[in-house]
Amino acid sequence: MEQAIVQFAKNIVLNNTLLSYIFFFLSQSLQVLFPPYPGDMILILEGYLSGLVGLNTLLIVANAVTATILSSVLLYNIGWVKEEKILHLKIIHYLFETGKIDKLKKLFKKLGVSVIILSKFIPGIYSLTVLAAGIFKLNKRNSYIAISVISFLHNTAFIMLGKVVGENWSIIFNKINIYNKYISIILIAGVLIYLLLLSLKKKLLE
């Protein structure tokens, strides 16, 4: 699927500037609303292609940031309106790792909306975090600010990275994938160690 999307993106950018912006907008919206979509790869590709055909970098960044913010706010408000009932839908189970929802609730109590910012650095959890922020009624204003800040930083960084590395963009993306895998392994190991320590603590106090 990824190669087909890459080729499709290249064809659009090389042939139609307006469609390029529309495609990139939809691409970043899908990254939030349909997490299996390889949005980060397209962001790096955007940076590379914008330099290749002379697209305006500021417009590319603004386009991506706007798409991410709007789709994130939409997801947040879906959670706000539907609350925990939405977690019972099959499509939600398919798109999001709903088993992590209780852990997110605990993190929100400790760290507040900063969890939204931190979630962008953990593979595959940002969209669920935004949805959960709405479900658990985190302050709207602060949530929107957190969404805007991380959307700007994340999109700008990946687009500029693609612009800088040029034709080597695919190599960089592969390295990011490896980084994501290691982060996931470290997080799983950390959770297991934490649960083990809690279990030992309970036994000692009995």
C-alpha atoms as a PDB file:
ATOM      1  CA  MET A   1       0.000   0.000   0.000  1.00  0.00           C
ATOM      2  CA  GLU A   2       2.787   2.427   0.931  1.00  0.00           C
ATOM      3  CA  GLN A   3       4.546   2.178  -2.440  1.00  0.00           C
ATOM      4  CA  ALA A   4       1.268   2.746  -4.284  1.00  0.00           C
ATOM      5  CA  ILE A   5       0.577   5.880  -2.223  1.00  0.00           C
ATOM      6  CA  VAL A   6       4.116   7.181  -2.832  1.00  0.00           C
ATOM      7  CA  GLN A   7       3.820   6.699  -6.578  1.00  0.00           C
ATOM      8  CA  PHE A   8       0.373   8.301  -6.593  1.00  0.00           C
ATOM      9  CA  ALA A   9       1.727  11.312  -4.666  1.00  0.00           C
ATOM     10  CA  LYS A  10       4.652  11.737  -7.059  1.00  0.00           C
ATOM     11  CA  ASN A  11       2.360  11.639 -10.102  1.00  0.00           C
ATOM     12  CA  ILE A  12       0.038  14.273  -8.641  1.00  0.00           C
ATOM     13  CA  VAL A  13       2.842  16.648  -7.601  1.00  0.00           C
ATOM     14  CA  LEU A  14       4.568  16.409 -10.978  1.00  0.00           C
ATOM     15  CA  ASN A  15       1.355  17.079 -12.904  1.00  0.00           C
ATOM     16  CA  ASN A  16      -0.981  19.285 -10.868  1.00  0.00           C
ATOM     17  CA  THR A  17      -0.019  21.745  -8.120  1.00  0.00           C
ATOM     18  CA  LEU A  18      -3.563  22.352  -6.844  1.00  0.00           C
ATOM     19  CA  LEU A  19      -4.277  18.630  -6.562  1.00  0.00           C
ATOM     20  CA  SER A  20      -0.980  18.259  -4.698  1.00  0.00           C
ATOM     21  CA  TYR A  21      -2.185  20.531  -1.893  1.00  0.00           C
ATOM     22  CA  ILE A  22      -5.570  18.771  -1.788  1.00  0.00           C
ATOM     23  CA  PHE A  23      -3.918  15.352  -1.660  1.00  0.00           C
ATOM     24  CA  PHE A  24      -1.491  16.392   1.096  1.00  0.00           C
ATOM     25  CA  PHE A  25      -4.370  17.885   3.110  1.00  0.00           C
ATOM     26  CA  LEU A  26      -6.366  14.660   2.850  1.00  0.00           C
ATOM     27  CA  SER A  27      -3.234  12.654   3.618  1.00  0.00           C
ATOM     28  CA  GLN A  28      -2.611  14.366   6.959  1.00  0.00           C
ATOM     29  CA  SER A  29      -6.295  14.143   7.846  1.00  0.00           C
ATOM     30  CA  LEU A  30      -6.189  10.387   7.217  1.00  0.00           C
ATOM     31  CA  GLN A  31      -3.119  10.046   9.420  1.00  0.00           C
ATOM     32  CA  VAL A  32      -5.230  11.218  12.368  1.00  0.00           C
ATOM     33  CA  LEU A  33      -8.603   9.684  11.475  1.00  0.00           C
ATOM     34  CA  PHE A  34      -7.296   6.442   9.979  1.00  0.00           C
ATOM     35  CA  PRO A  35      -4.086   5.603  11.931  1.00  0.00           C
ATOM     36  CA  PRO A  36      -2.957   2.697   9.698  1.00  0.00           C
ATOM     37  CA  TYR A  37      -2.344   5.310   6.981  1.00  0.00           C
ATOM     38  CA  PRO A  38       1.419   6.077   6.592  1.00  0.00           C
ATOM     39  CA  GLY A  39       1.127   9.817   7.180  1.00  0.00           C
ATOM     40  CA  ASP A  40       4.668  10.398   8.439  1.00  0.00           C
ATOM     41  CA  MET A  41       6.087   8.868   5.277  1.00  0.00           C
ATOM     42  CA  ILE A  42       3.970  11.226   3.168  1.00  0.00           C
ATOM     43  CA  LEU A  43       5.140  14.202   5.256  1.00  0.00           C
ATOM     44  CA  ILE A  44       8.783  13.410   4.497  1.00  0.00           C
ATOM     45  CA  LEU A  45       7.857  12.840   0.855  1.00  0.00           C
ATOM     46  CA  GLU A  46       6.089  16.231   0.816  1.00  0.00           C
ATOM     47  CA  GLY A  47       9.304  17.928   1.870  1.00  0.00           C
ATOM     48  CA  TYR A  48      11.298  16.166  -0.823  1.00  0.00           C
ATOM     49  CA  LEU A  49       8.761  16.765  -3.606  1.00  0.00           C
ATOM     50  CA  SER A  50       8.215  20.410  -2.645  1.00  0.00           C
ATOM     51  CA  GLY A  51      11.917  21.027  -3.230  1.00  0.00           C
ATOM     52  CA  LEU A  52      11.927  18.953  -6.419  1.00  0.00           C
ATOM     53  CA  VAL A  53       9.154  20.875  -8.204  1.00  0.00           C
ATOM     54  CA  GLY A  54       9.430  24.205  -6.373  1.00  0.00           C
ATOM     55  CA  LEU A  55       6.265  24.133  -4.251  1.00  0.00           C
ATOM     56  CA  ASN A  56       5.993  26.858  -1.612  1.00  0.00           C
ATOM     57  CA  THR A  57       7.361  25.358   1.618  1.00  0.00           C
ATOM     58  CA  LEU A  58       5.333  27.673   3.870  1.00  0.00           C
ATOM     59  CA  LEU A  59       2.110  26.666   2.113  1.00  0.00           C
ATOM     60  CA  ILE A  60       3.033  22.977   2.352  1.00  0.00           C
ATOM     61  CA  VAL A  61       3.654  23.303   6.106  1.00  0.00           C
ATOM     62  CA  ALA A  62       0.526  25.426   6.685  1.00  0.00           C
ATOM     63  CA  ASN A  63      -1.553  22.928   4.704  1.00  0.00           C
ATOM     64  CA  ALA A  64      -0.291  19.940   6.717  1.00  0.00           C
ATOM     65  CA  VAL A  65      -0.622  21.706  10.078  1.00  0.00           C
ATOM     66  CA  THR A  66      -4.170  22.870   9.311  1.00  0.00           C
ATOM     67  CA  ALA A  67      -5.230  19.365   8.233  1.00  0.00           C
ATOM     68  CA  THR A  68      -3.763  17.785  11.367  1.00  0.00           C
ATOM     69  CA  ILE A  69      -5.328  20.336  13.713  1.00  0.00           C
ATOM     70  CA  LEU A  70      -8.793  20.171  12.134  1.00  0.00           C
ATOM     71  CA  SER A  71      -8.896  16.360  12.024  1.00  0.00           C
ATOM     72  CA  SER A  72      -7.556  16.144  15.599  1.00  0.00           C
ATOM     73  CA  VAL A  73     -10.164  18.619  16.864  1.00  0.00           C
ATOM     74  CA  LEU A  74     -12.845  16.629  15.036  1.00  0.00           C
ATOM     75  CA  LEU A  75     -11.657  13.397  16.684  1.00  0.00           C
ATOM     76  CA  TYR A  76     -11.505  15.109  20.092  1.00  0.00           C
ATOM     77  CA  ASN A  77     -15.097  16.378  19.731  1.00  0.00           C
ATOM     78  CA  ILE A  78     -16.347  12.965  18.601  1.00  0.00           C
ATOM     79  CA  GLY A  79     -14.969  11.592  21.853  1.00  0.00           C
ATOM     80  CA  TRP A  80     -16.466  14.504  23.813  1.00  0.00           C
ATOM     81  CA  VAL A  81     -19.968  13.940  22.382  1.00  0.00           C
ATOM     82  CA  LYS A  82     -20.046  10.135  22.247  1.00  0.00           C
ATOM     83  CA  GLU A  83     -18.018   9.568  25.440  1.00  0.00           C
ATOM     84  CA  GLU A  84     -17.088   5.965  26.316  1.00  0.00           C
ATOM     85  CA  LYS A  85     -19.946   4.564  24.210  1.00  0.00           C
ATOM     86  CA  ILE A  86     -17.798   5.086  21.139  1.00  0.00           C
ATOM     87  CA  LEU A  87     -15.287   2.508  22.389  1.00  0.00           C
ATOM     88  CA  HIS A  88     -17.815  -0.258  21.786  1.00  0.00           C
ATOM     89  CA  LEU A  89     -17.940   0.331  18.021  1.00  0.00           C
ATOM     90  CA  LYS A  90     -16.158  -2.267  15.880  1.00  0.00           C
ATOM     91  CA  ILE A  91     -14.606   0.371  13.606  1.00  0.00           C
ATOM     92  CA  ILE A  92     -13.020   2.047  16.638  1.00  0.00           C
ATOM     93  CA  HIS A  93     -11.536  -1.269  17.775  1.00  0.00           C
ATOM     94  CA  TYR A  94     -10.111  -1.728  14.275  1.00  0.00           C
ATOM     95  CA  LEU A  95      -8.598   1.745  14.002  1.00  0.00           C
ATOM     96  CA  PHE A  96      -7.402   2.344  17.560  1.00  0.00           C
ATOM     97  CA  GLU A  97      -5.699   0.320  20.288  1.00  0.00           C
ATOM     98  CA  THR A  98      -8.581   0.792  22.719  1.00  0.00           C
ATOM     99  CA  GLY A  99      -6.962  -1.510  25.277  1.00  0.00           C
ATOM    100  CA  LYS A 100      -4.732   1.420  26.242  1.00  0.00           C
ATOM    101  CA  ILE A 101      -7.634   3.689  27.174  1.00  0.00           C
ATOM    102  CA  ASP A 102      -7.422   3.042  30.944  1.00  0.00           C
ATOM    103  CA  LYS A 103      -3.690   3.797  30.963  1.00  0.00           C
ATOM    104  CA  LEU A 104      -4.362   7.048  29.147  1.00  0.00           C
ATOM    105  CA  LYS A 105      -6.992   7.999  31.729  1.00  0.00           C
ATOM    106  CA  LYS A 106      -4.410   7.577  34.503  1.00  0.00           C
ATOM    107  CA  LEU A 107      -1.834   9.585  32.553  1.00  0.00           C
ATOM    108  CA  PHE A 108      -4.332  12.407  31.961  1.00  0.00           C
ATOM    109  CA  LYS A 109      -4.924  12.621  35.723  1.00  0.00           C
ATOM    110  CA  LYS A 110      -1.187  12.938  36.349  1.00  0.00           C
ATOM    111  CA  LEU A 111      -0.002  14.998  33.378  1.00  0.00           C
ATOM    112  CA  GLY A 112      -3.097  16.653  31.902  1.00  0.00           C
ATOM    113  CA  VAL A 113      -3.103  17.728  28.241  1.00  0.00           C
ATOM    114  CA  SER A 114       0.689  17.377  27.993  1.00  0.00           C
ATOM    115  CA  VAL A 115      -0.056  13.686  27.287  1.00  0.00           C
ATOM    116  CA  ILE A 116      -1.362  14.822  23.874  1.00  0.00           C
ATOM    117  CA  ILE A 117       2.026  16.346  23.073  1.00  0.00           C
ATOM    118  CA  LEU A 118       3.981  13.378  24.409  1.00  0.00           C
ATOM    119  CA  SER A 119       1.837  10.896  22.456  1.00  0.00           C
ATOM    120  CA  LYS A 120       3.256  12.152  19.145  1.00  0.00           C
ATOM    121  CA  PHE A 121       6.597  10.640  20.153  1.00  0.00           C
ATOM    122  CA  ILE A 122       5.062   7.207  20.792  1.00  0.00           C
ATOM    123  CA  PRO A 123       4.242   5.212  17.646  1.00  0.00           C
ATOM    124  CA  GLY A 124       0.552   4.679  16.895  1.00  0.00           C
ATOM    125  CA  ILE A 125      -0.953   6.290  19.996  1.00  0.00           C
ATOM    126  CA  TYR A 126      -1.589   9.958  19.068  1.00  0.00           C
ATOM    127  CA  SER A 127      -5.050   9.472  17.534  1.00  0.00           C
ATOM    128  CA  LEU A 128      -6.270   7.345  20.439  1.00  0.00           C
ATOM    129  CA  THR A 129      -4.911   9.946  22.868  1.00  0.00           C
ATOM    130  CA  VAL A 130      -6.839  12.753  21.177  1.00  0.00           C
ATOM    131  CA  LEU A 131     -10.014  10.652  21.136  1.00  0.00           C
ATOM    132  CA  ALA A 132      -9.501   9.755  24.805  1.00  0.00           C
ATOM    133  CA  ALA A 133      -8.943  13.427  25.699  1.00  0.00           C
ATOM    134  CA  GLY A 134     -12.437  14.126  24.407  1.00  0.00           C
ATOM    135  CA  ILE A 135     -13.964  11.071  26.085  1.00  0.00           C
ATOM    136  CA  PHE A 136     -12.523  12.074  29.466  1.00  0.00           C
ATOM    137  CA  LYS A 137     -13.516  15.737  29.017  1.00  0.00           C
ATOM    138  CA  LEU A 138     -10.080  17.308  29.232  1.00  0.00           C
ATOM    139  CA  ASN A 139     -10.238  21.106  29.119  1.00  0.00           C
ATOM    140  CA  LYS A 140     -11.085  22.060  25.524  1.00  0.00           C
ATOM    141  CA  ARG A 141      -8.987  25.206  25.329  1.00  0.00           C
ATOM    142  CA  ASN A 142      -5.884  23.513  26.716  1.00  0.00           C
ATOM    143  CA  SER A 143      -6.437  20.449  24.536  1.00  0.00           C
ATOM    144  CA  TYR A 144      -6.725  22.584  21.410  1.00  0.00           C
ATOM    145  CA  ILE A 145      -3.519  24.406  22.334  1.00  0.00           C
ATOM    146  CA  ALA A 146      -1.678  21.116  22.873  1.00  0.00           C
ATOM    147  CA  ILE A 147      -2.987  19.781  19.551  1.00  0.00           C
ATOM    148  CA  SER A 148      -1.915  22.965  17.735  1.00  0.00           C
ATOM    149  CA  VAL A 149       1.566  23.045  19.267  1.00  0.00           C
ATOM    150  CA  ILE A 150       2.445  19.421  18.527  1.00  0.00           C
ATOM    151  CA  SER A 151       0.829  19.573  15.062  1.00  0.00           C
ATOM    152  CA  PHE A 152       3.021  22.531  14.120  1.00  0.00           C
ATOM    153  CA  LEU A 153       6.227  21.023  15.526  1.00  0.00           C
ATOM    154  CA  HIS A 154       5.663  17.523  14.130  1.00  0.00           C
ATOM    155  CA  ASN A 155       4.614  18.527  10.610  1.00  0.00           C
ATOM    156  CA  THR A 156       7.277  21.201  10.252  1.00  0.00           C
ATOM    157  CA  ALA A 157      10.052  18.869  11.434  1.00  0.00           C
ATOM    158  CA  PHE A 158       9.128  16.029   9.054  1.00  0.00           C
ATOM    159  CA  ILE A 159       8.569  18.263   6.022  1.00  0.00           C
ATOM    160  CA  MET A 160      11.875  20.097   6.547  1.00  0.00           C
ATOM    161  CA  LEU A 161      13.603  16.754   7.066  1.00  0.00           C
ATOM    162  CA  GLY A 162      12.312  15.558   3.696  1.00  0.00           C
ATOM    163  CA  LYS A 163      13.417  18.801   2.079  1.00  0.00           C
ATOM    164  CA  VAL A 164      16.931  18.514   3.517  1.00  0.00           C
ATOM    165  CA  VAL A 165      17.593  14.830   2.786  1.00  0.00           C
ATOM    166  CA  GLY A 166      16.143  15.005  -0.739  1.00  0.00           C
ATOM    167  CA  GLU A 167      16.293  11.732  -2.644  1.00  0.00           C
ATOM    168  CA  ASN A 168      17.394   9.922   0.522  1.00  0.00           C
ATOM    169  CA  TRP A 169      13.963  10.510   2.087  1.00  0.00           C
ATOM    170  CA  SER A 170      13.041   6.795   1.958  1.00  0.00           C
ATOM    171  CA  ILE A 171      16.216   5.838   3.859  1.00  0.00           C
ATOM    172  CA  ILE A 172      15.363   8.347   6.589  1.00  0.00           C
ATOM    173  CA  PHE A 173      11.816   7.009   6.801  1.00  0.00           C
ATOM    174  CA  ASN A 174      13.131   3.451   7.219  1.00  0.00           C
ATOM    175  CA  LYS A 175      15.375   4.632  10.061  1.00  0.00           C
ATOM    176  CA  ILE A 176      12.364   6.301  11.709  1.00  0.00           C
ATOM    177  CA  ASN A 177      10.459   3.011  11.450  1.00  0.00           C
ATOM    178  CA  ILE A 178      13.330   1.223  13.192  1.00  0.00           C
ATOM    179  CA  TYR A 179      13.331   3.920  15.896  1.00  0.00           C
ATOM    180  CA  ASN A 180       9.571   3.442  16.374  1.00  0.00           C
ATOM    181  CA  LYS A 181      10.002  -0.311  16.812  1.00  0.00           C
ATOM    182  CA  TYR A 182      12.688   0.160  19.461  1.00  0.00           C
ATOM    183  CA  ILE A 183      10.544   2.723  21.286  1.00  0.00           C
ATOM    184  CA  SER A 184       7.616   0.281  21.280  1.00  0.00           C
ATOM    185  CA  ILE A 185       9.805  -2.504  22.694  1.00  0.00           C
ATOM    186  CA  ILE A 186      11.184  -0.207  25.408  1.00  0.00           C
ATOM    187  CA  LEU A 187       7.674   0.951  26.363  1.00  0.00           C
ATOM    188  CA  ILE A 188       6.334  -2.619  26.577  1.00  0.00           C
ATOM    189  CA  ALA A 189       9.335  -3.657  28.688  1.00  0.00           C
ATOM    190  CA  GLY A 190       8.833  -0.615  30.918  1.00  0.00           C
ATOM    191  CA  VAL A 191       5.162  -1.433  31.505  1.00  0.00           C
ATOM    192  CA  LEU A 192       5.985  -5.059  32.335  1.00  0.00           C
ATOM    193  CA  ILE A 193       8.679  -4.014  34.807  1.00  0.00           C
ATOM    194  CA  TYR A 194       6.299  -1.496  36.392  1.00  0.00           C
ATOM    195  CA  LEU A 195       3.577  -4.146  36.800  1.00  0.00           C
ATOM    196  CA  LEU A 196       6.117  -6.574  38.262  1.00  0.00           C
ATOM    197  CA  LEU A 197       7.263  -3.996  40.806  1.00  0.00           C
ATOM    198  CA  LEU A 198       3.662  -3.244  41.773  1.00  0.00           C
ATOM    199  CA  SER A 199       3.025  -6.950  42.273  1.00  0.00           C
ATOM    200  CA  LEU A 200       6.123  -7.322  44.433  1.00  0.00           C
ATOM    201  CA  LYS A 201       5.144  -4.278  46.471  1.00  0.00           C
ATOM    202  CA  LYS A 202       1.688  -5.714  47.192  1.00  0.00           C
ATOM    203  CA  LYS A 203       3.177  -9.038  48.275  1.00  0.00           C
ATOM    204  CA  LEU A 204       5.624  -7.329  50.627  1.00  0.00           C
ATOM    205  CA  LEU A 205       2.841  -5.304  52.223  1.00  0.00           C
ATOM    206  CA  GLU A 206       0.565  -8.299  52.781  1.00  0.00           C
END
